Amino acid sequence: MEEGCLCLPGIKAEVKRKKNILVRGFDKQGKELTLETSDLLARVIQHEIDHLNGILFIDRLSRLKRDLLINKFKKKKPL
């Protein structure tokens, strides 16, 4: 599925992600939570967890594809 990010406006690319995921975490009170989800929500969660780990969606692309997209981004005029 194609992904984009507010970090790189106007840049989109096909990114492979797991269709189904199981996420474990804790709420504000320290109670353990478990979420099993699929499709778009699973993709969004994986994308956001990548951000927490310092990874952008373009980091999941081949070097060639990533370099092409970065050059395209740099050539865009600022708002």
C-alpha atoms as a PDB file:
ATOM      1  CA  MET A   1       0.000   0.000   0.000  1.00  0.00           C
ATOM      2  CA  GLU A   2       1.149   3.551  -0.659  1.00  0.00           C
ATOM      3  CA  GLU A   3       2.271   5.626   2.330  1.00  0.00           C
ATOM      4  CA  GLY A   4       3.085   9.235   2.930  1.00  0.00           C
ATOM      5  CA  CYS A   5       4.003  11.314   5.961  1.00  0.00           C
ATOM      6  CA  LEU A   6       3.676  14.879   7.173  1.00  0.00           C
ATOM      7  CA  CYS A   7       7.465  14.805   7.673  1.00  0.00           C
ATOM      8  CA  LEU A   8       7.870  14.648   3.883  1.00  0.00           C
ATOM      9  CA  PRO A   9       4.866  16.438   2.374  1.00  0.00           C
ATOM     10  CA  GLY A  10       3.989  15.421  -1.161  1.00  0.00           C
ATOM     11  CA  ILE A  11       6.156  12.290  -1.099  1.00  0.00           C
ATOM     12  CA  LYS A  12       4.459   8.883  -1.315  1.00  0.00           C
ATOM     13  CA  ALA A  13       5.679   5.363  -1.986  1.00  0.00           C
ATOM     14  CA  GLU A  14       4.619   1.746  -1.766  1.00  0.00           C
ATOM     15  CA  VAL A  15       5.746   0.308   1.587  1.00  0.00           C
ATOM     16  CA  LYS A  16       5.456  -3.318   2.650  1.00  0.00           C
ATOM     17  CA  ARG A  17       3.963  -3.787   6.107  1.00  0.00           C
ATOM     18  CA  LYS A  18       2.475  -6.665   8.072  1.00  0.00           C
ATOM     19  CA  LYS A  19      -1.271  -7.015   7.466  1.00  0.00           C
ATOM     20  CA  ASN A  20      -2.036  -8.240  11.016  1.00  0.00           C
ATOM     21  CA  ILE A  21      -0.289  -7.119  14.202  1.00  0.00           C
ATOM     22  CA  LEU A  22      -0.464  -7.651  17.945  1.00  0.00           C
ATOM     23  CA  VAL A  23       0.598  -4.689  20.084  1.00  0.00           C
ATOM     24  CA  ARG A  24       1.177  -4.735  23.818  1.00  0.00           C
ATOM     25  CA  GLY A  25       1.598  -1.683  25.995  1.00  0.00           C
ATOM     26  CA  PHE A  26       0.431   0.071  29.130  1.00  0.00           C
ATOM     27  CA  ASP A  27      -2.207   2.695  29.846  1.00  0.00           C
ATOM     28  CA  LYS A  28      -1.639   5.799  32.033  1.00  0.00           C
ATOM     29  CA  GLN A  29      -2.347   3.791  35.192  1.00  0.00           C
ATOM     30  CA  GLY A  30       0.178   1.093  34.279  1.00  0.00           C
ATOM     31  CA  LYS A  31      -2.432  -1.507  33.314  1.00  0.00           C
ATOM     32  CA  GLU A  32      -1.291  -3.790  30.495  1.00  0.00           C
ATOM     33  CA  LEU A  33      -3.144  -3.415  27.200  1.00  0.00           C
ATOM     34  CA  THR A  34      -3.220  -5.707  24.188  1.00  0.00           C
ATOM     35  CA  LEU A  35      -4.498  -4.748  20.744  1.00  0.00           C
ATOM     36  CA  GLU A  36      -4.793  -7.128  17.825  1.00  0.00           C
ATOM     37  CA  THR A  37      -5.654  -5.378  14.570  1.00  0.00           C
ATOM     38  CA  SER A  38      -5.274  -5.553  10.806  1.00  0.00           C
ATOM     39  CA  ASP A  39      -5.398  -3.608   7.556  1.00  0.00           C
ATOM     40  CA  LEU A  40      -5.229   0.208   7.745  1.00  0.00           C
ATOM     41  CA  LEU A  41      -5.053   0.490  11.547  1.00  0.00           C
ATOM     42  CA  ALA A  42      -2.209  -2.050  11.625  1.00  0.00           C
ATOM     43  CA  ARG A  43      -0.366  -0.007   8.981  1.00  0.00           C
ATOM     44  CA  VAL A  44      -0.866   3.268  10.877  1.00  0.00           C
ATOM     45  CA  ILE A  45       0.374   1.749  14.147  1.00  0.00           C
ATOM     46  CA  GLN A  46       3.468   0.305  12.459  1.00  0.00           C
ATOM     47  CA  HIS A  47       4.167   3.675  10.821  1.00  0.00           C
ATOM     48  CA  GLU A  48       3.889   5.508  14.157  1.00  0.00           C
ATOM     49  CA  ILE A  49       5.996   2.933  16.032  1.00  0.00           C
ATOM     50  CA  ASP A  50       8.650   3.456  13.350  1.00  0.00           C
ATOM     51  CA  HIS A  51       8.617   7.188  14.206  1.00  0.00           C
ATOM     52  CA  LEU A  52       9.203   6.334  17.877  1.00  0.00           C
ATOM     53  CA  ASN A  53      12.223   4.323  16.743  1.00  0.00           C
ATOM     54  CA  GLY A  54      13.563   7.125  14.503  1.00  0.00           C
ATOM     55  CA  ILE A  55      12.514   5.456  11.239  1.00  0.00           C
ATOM     56  CA  LEU A  56      10.722   7.188   8.350  1.00  0.00           C
ATOM     57  CA  PHE A  57       8.734   5.267   5.740  1.00  0.00           C
ATOM     58  CA  ILE A  58      11.413   6.062   3.146  1.00  0.00           C
ATOM     59  CA  ASP A  59      13.915   4.120   5.277  1.00  0.00           C
ATOM     60  CA  ARG A  60      11.940   0.995   4.365  1.00  0.00           C
ATOM     61  CA  LEU A  61      12.543   1.512   0.625  1.00  0.00           C
ATOM     62  CA  SER A  62      15.434   0.419  -1.557  1.00  0.00           C
ATOM     63  CA  ARG A  63      18.358   2.845  -1.624  1.00  0.00           C
ATOM     64  CA  LEU A  64      17.620   3.798  -5.244  1.00  0.00           C
ATOM     65  CA  LYS A  65      13.933   4.512  -4.621  1.00  0.00           C
ATOM     66  CA  ARG A  66      14.742   6.406  -1.418  1.00  0.00           C
ATOM     67  CA  ASP A  67      17.374   8.561  -3.137  1.00  0.00           C
ATOM     68  CA  LEU A  68      14.985   9.393  -5.989  1.00  0.00           C
ATOM     69  CA  LEU A  69      12.277  10.476  -3.551  1.00  0.00           C
ATOM     70  CA  ILE A  70      14.697  12.537  -1.446  1.00  0.00           C
ATOM     71  CA  ASN A  71      15.920  14.349  -4.579  1.00  0.00           C
ATOM     72  CA  LYS A  72      12.315  14.977  -5.606  1.00  0.00           C
ATOM     73  CA  PHE A  73      11.593  16.387  -2.136  1.00  0.00           C
ATOM     74  CA  LYS A  74      14.661  18.668  -2.202  1.00  0.00           C
ATOM     75  CA  LYS A  75      13.680  20.079  -5.608  1.00  0.00           C
ATOM     76  CA  LYS A  76      10.225  21.127  -4.386  1.00  0.00           C
ATOM     77  CA  LYS A  77       9.913  24.814  -3.623  1.00  0.00           C
ATOM     78  CA  PRO A  78       9.176  25.734   0.001  1.00  0.00           C
ATOM     79  CA  LEU A  79       5.689  27.066   0.795  1.00  0.00           C
END
